[in-house]
Amino acid sequence: MTEKDKMLLGQPYNPLDKTLVSARIQARLTLKAFNDCTPDNGKELKRLAKVLIPNQGKSCFVQPPFYCDYGTNIHLGKRVFFNFNCTVLDVTPVTIGDRTMLGPNVQLYTATHPLEAELRASGTEFGKPITLGEDVWIGGNVTICPGVTIGDRSVIGAGSVVTKDIPKDVFAAGNPCRVIRTIEN
């Protein structure tokens, strides 16, 4: 099994593997071109976003600047919107449903490290997938931690740190993020 296979499966892997380093460098080069693209060059922005995140539905928009590890592990439904300065550490799949909106400075972290110092010192890391349902709204400056799923139509308040799954049809906020109330749809 390759280090990439291990990474995608959420198993401990070596992030310094040559194939993974090469893929991250390619993503960084595409990100540089994307983030440096002038706002009046919409066609080029759209082309570069599709190169960076090939698994996306129609009418998605990623507002530069944007940052990610690979891009290829991000899966977007239709009409997904990323506002300024979002970061996605996509060492395992990040799946975002149709019409989901992410505010500025949102951070999606699938990457994590062992809690045990000896294992952490070995340099291995692993990831846990993140899933955002359809019609979700993530407020600005939200951090979503590894392994979290947010249910359809839920709203996460600005500044929240989401450490556990959030059900569908709720407003949740805080650090740690917790359900505040149900949303009547």
Protein backbone atom coordinates (compact mmCIF):
# COMPACT_ATOMS: atom_id res chain seq x y z
CA MET A 1 0.00 0.00 0.00
CA THR A 2 1.37 3.43 -0.93
CA GLU A 3 1.68 6.34 1.48
CA LYS A 4 -1.01 8.11 -0.55
CA ASP A 5 -3.35 5.11 -0.14
CA LYS A 6 -2.72 5.15 3.62
CA MET A 7 -3.32 8.91 3.76
CA LEU A 8 -6.64 8.71 1.90
CA LEU A 9 -7.80 5.84 4.14
CA GLY A 10 -7.04 7.83 7.30
CA GLN A 11 -4.20 5.54 8.34
CA PRO A 12 -0.85 6.77 9.66
CA TYR A 13 1.33 7.82 6.71
CA ASN A 14 4.61 9.56 5.96
CA PRO A 15 3.87 13.10 4.70
CA LEU A 16 7.46 13.32 3.37
CA ASP A 17 6.81 10.59 0.80
CA LYS A 18 8.11 11.84 -2.57
CA THR A 19 4.78 11.34 -4.35
CA LEU A 20 2.92 13.32 -1.69
CA VAL A 21 5.52 16.10 -1.60
CA SER A 22 5.33 16.36 -5.39
CA ALA A 23 1.53 16.58 -5.31
CA ARG A 24 1.63 19.31 -2.63
CA ILE A 25 4.18 21.29 -4.65
CA GLN A 26 1.97 21.07 -7.73
CA ALA A 27 -0.99 22.27 -5.67
CA ARG A 28 1.09 25.17 -4.28
CA LEU A 29 2.09 26.24 -7.79
CA THR A 30 -1.54 26.22 -8.91
CA LEU A 31 -2.57 28.06 -5.73
CA LYS A 32 0.07 30.73 -6.40
CA ALA A 33 -1.29 31.31 -9.90
CA PHE A 34 -4.88 31.28 -8.61
CA ASN A 35 -4.23 33.65 -5.70
CA ASP A 36 -2.21 36.02 -7.91
CA CYS A 37 -4.86 36.12 -10.65
CA THR A 38 -6.44 39.55 -11.05
CA PRO A 39 -10.13 39.83 -10.14
CA ASP A 40 -11.04 41.00 -13.65
CA ASN A 41 -9.83 37.70 -15.13
CA GLY A 42 -12.83 35.54 -14.24
CA LYS A 43 -12.21 32.92 -16.92
CA GLU A 44 -8.69 32.24 -15.67
CA LEU A 45 -9.85 32.14 -12.03
CA LYS A 46 -12.50 29.58 -12.96
CA ARG A 47 -10.01 27.51 -15.00
CA LEU A 48 -7.43 27.46 -12.20
CA ALA A 49 -10.08 26.60 -9.59
CA LYS A 50 -11.09 23.62 -11.75
CA VAL A 51 -7.44 22.52 -12.07
CA LEU A 52 -6.97 22.81 -8.33
CA ILE A 53 -10.31 21.23 -7.35
CA PRO A 54 -11.24 18.94 -10.24
CA ASN A 55 -14.07 17.26 -8.30
CA GLN A 56 -16.63 20.04 -8.35
CA GLY A 57 -20.18 20.53 -9.54
CA LYS A 58 -21.46 23.37 -11.69
CA SER A 59 -21.35 27.02 -10.69
CA CYS A 60 -18.95 26.74 -7.76
CA PHE A 61 -16.96 29.83 -6.79
CA VAL A 62 -13.76 30.01 -4.77
CA GLN A 63 -12.77 33.56 -3.80
CA PRO A 64 -9.00 34.09 -3.65
CA PRO A 65 -6.98 33.86 -1.58
CA PHE A 66 -7.57 30.17 -0.98
CA TYR A 67 -5.27 27.51 0.46
CA CYS A 68 -5.27 23.71 0.51
CA ASP A 69 -2.90 20.74 0.71
CA TYR A 70 -3.87 18.89 -2.48
CA GLY A 71 -7.22 20.09 -3.85
CA THR A 72 -7.85 16.71 -5.45
CA ASN A 73 -9.37 15.39 -2.21
CA ILE A 74 -11.99 18.16 -2.10
CA HIS A 75 -15.38 17.18 -3.55
CA LEU A 76 -17.86 20.00 -4.16
CA GLY A 77 -21.51 19.78 -5.07
CA LYS A 78 -23.23 22.41 -7.22
CA ARG A 79 -23.09 26.12 -6.38
CA VAL A 80 -20.66 25.83 -3.46
CA PHE A 81 -19.18 29.18 -2.40
CA PHE A 82 -15.89 29.83 -0.56
CA ASN A 83 -15.35 33.41 0.64
CA PHE A 84 -11.92 35.04 1.12
CA ASN A 85 -9.03 33.27 2.84
CA CYS A 86 -10.41 29.76 3.37
CA THR A 87 -8.02 26.90 4.14
CA VAL A 88 -8.74 23.21 3.51
CA LEU A 89 -6.23 20.62 4.75
CA ASP A 90 -7.48 17.81 2.52
CA VAL A 91 -5.33 14.81 3.39
CA THR A 92 -8.55 12.76 3.48
CA PRO A 93 -11.76 13.54 1.58
CA VAL A 94 -13.58 16.80 2.20
CA THR A 95 -17.11 16.53 0.82
CA ILE A 96 -19.28 19.64 0.55
CA GLY A 97 -22.90 19.42 -0.56
CA ASP A 98 -24.85 21.54 -3.03
CA ARG A 99 -25.39 25.24 -2.27
CA THR A 100 -23.18 25.27 0.80
CA MET A 101 -21.53 28.59 1.67
CA LEU A 102 -18.33 29.13 3.63
CA GLY A 103 -17.62 32.58 5.09
CA PRO A 104 -14.23 34.28 5.17
CA ASN A 105 -11.36 32.64 7.04
CA VAL A 106 -13.06 29.26 7.38
CA GLN A 107 -10.65 26.43 8.18
CA LEU A 108 -11.38 22.76 7.38
CA TYR A 109 -8.77 20.49 8.94
CA THR A 110 -8.79 16.78 8.08
CA ALA A 111 -5.11 16.46 9.05
CA THR A 112 -4.21 15.49 12.57
CA HIS A 113 -1.35 13.99 14.58
CA PRO A 114 -1.03 11.27 17.22
CA LEU A 115 -1.63 12.35 20.80
CA GLU A 116 1.30 10.24 22.02
CA ALA A 117 4.52 12.26 21.88
CA GLU A 118 6.66 9.31 20.75
CA LEU A 119 4.41 8.59 17.76
CA ARG A 120 4.12 12.31 16.95
CA ALA A 121 7.93 12.60 16.99
CA SER A 122 8.14 9.86 14.35
CA GLY A 123 6.70 12.32 11.83
CA THR A 124 3.71 10.23 10.83
CA GLU A 125 0.31 11.84 10.64
CA PHE A 126 -3.19 10.80 9.66
CA GLY A 127 -6.49 12.36 8.73
CA LYS A 128 -10.22 12.06 9.30
CA PRO A 129 -12.70 13.10 6.57
CA ILE A 130 -14.97 16.14 6.84
CA THR A 131 -18.47 16.24 5.36
CA LEU A 132 -20.69 19.30 5.03
CA GLY A 133 -24.24 18.59 3.89
CA GLU A 134 -26.38 20.49 1.40
CA ASP A 135 -27.49 24.09 2.02
CA VAL A 136 -25.11 24.50 4.96
CA TRP A 137 -23.86 27.98 5.92
CA ILE A 138 -20.54 28.20 7.74
CA GLY A 139 -19.96 31.65 9.28
CA GLY A 140 -16.68 33.53 9.17
CA ASN A 141 -13.66 32.38 11.18
CA VAL A 142 -15.08 28.92 11.84
CA THR A 143 -12.69 26.03 12.40
CA ILE A 144 -13.95 22.53 11.58
CA CYS A 145 -11.84 19.79 13.13
CA PRO A 146 -10.97 16.35 11.71
CA GLY A 147 -13.77 13.82 11.35
CA VAL A 148 -16.70 16.25 11.66
CA THR A 149 -19.96 15.94 9.71
CA ILE A 150 -22.42 18.83 9.55
CA GLY A 151 -25.98 17.94 8.56
CA ASP A 152 -28.03 19.44 5.75
CA ARG A 153 -29.38 22.99 6.16
CA SER A 154 -27.49 23.67 9.38
CA VAL A 155 -25.85 27.01 10.17
CA ILE A 156 -22.60 27.37 12.13
CA GLY A 157 -22.15 30.74 13.85
CA ALA A 158 -19.08 32.89 13.23
CA GLY A 159 -16.00 32.09 15.28
CA SER A 160 -17.10 28.59 16.24
CA VAL A 161 -14.75 25.65 16.70
CA VAL A 162 -16.57 22.50 15.57
CA THR A 163 -15.12 19.42 17.27
CA LYS A 164 -18.12 17.05 16.99
CA ASP A 165 -20.82 16.23 14.46
CA ILE A 166 -23.69 18.69 14.10
CA PRO A 167 -27.14 17.34 13.10
CA LYS A 168 -29.27 18.68 10.25
CA ASP A 169 -31.55 21.72 10.54
CA VAL A 170 -29.90 23.42 13.52
CA PHE A 171 -28.10 26.62 14.39
CA ALA A 172 -24.92 25.81 16.30
CA ALA A 173 -22.19 28.08 17.65
CA GLY A 174 -19.45 28.43 20.23
CA ASN A 175 -16.13 26.99 21.30
CA PRO A 176 -16.66 24.13 21.42
CA CYS A 177 -19.56 24.42 18.99
CA ARG A 178 -22.91 23.21 20.33
CA VAL A 179 -26.49 23.22 19.08
CA ILE A 180 -28.29 26.43 20.07
CA ARG A 181 -31.67 25.78 18.46
CA THR A 182 -33.54 23.95 15.72
CA ILE A 183 -34.17 25.75 12.43
CA GLU A 184 -37.70 25.39 11.10
CA ASN A 185 -37.56 24.87 7.33
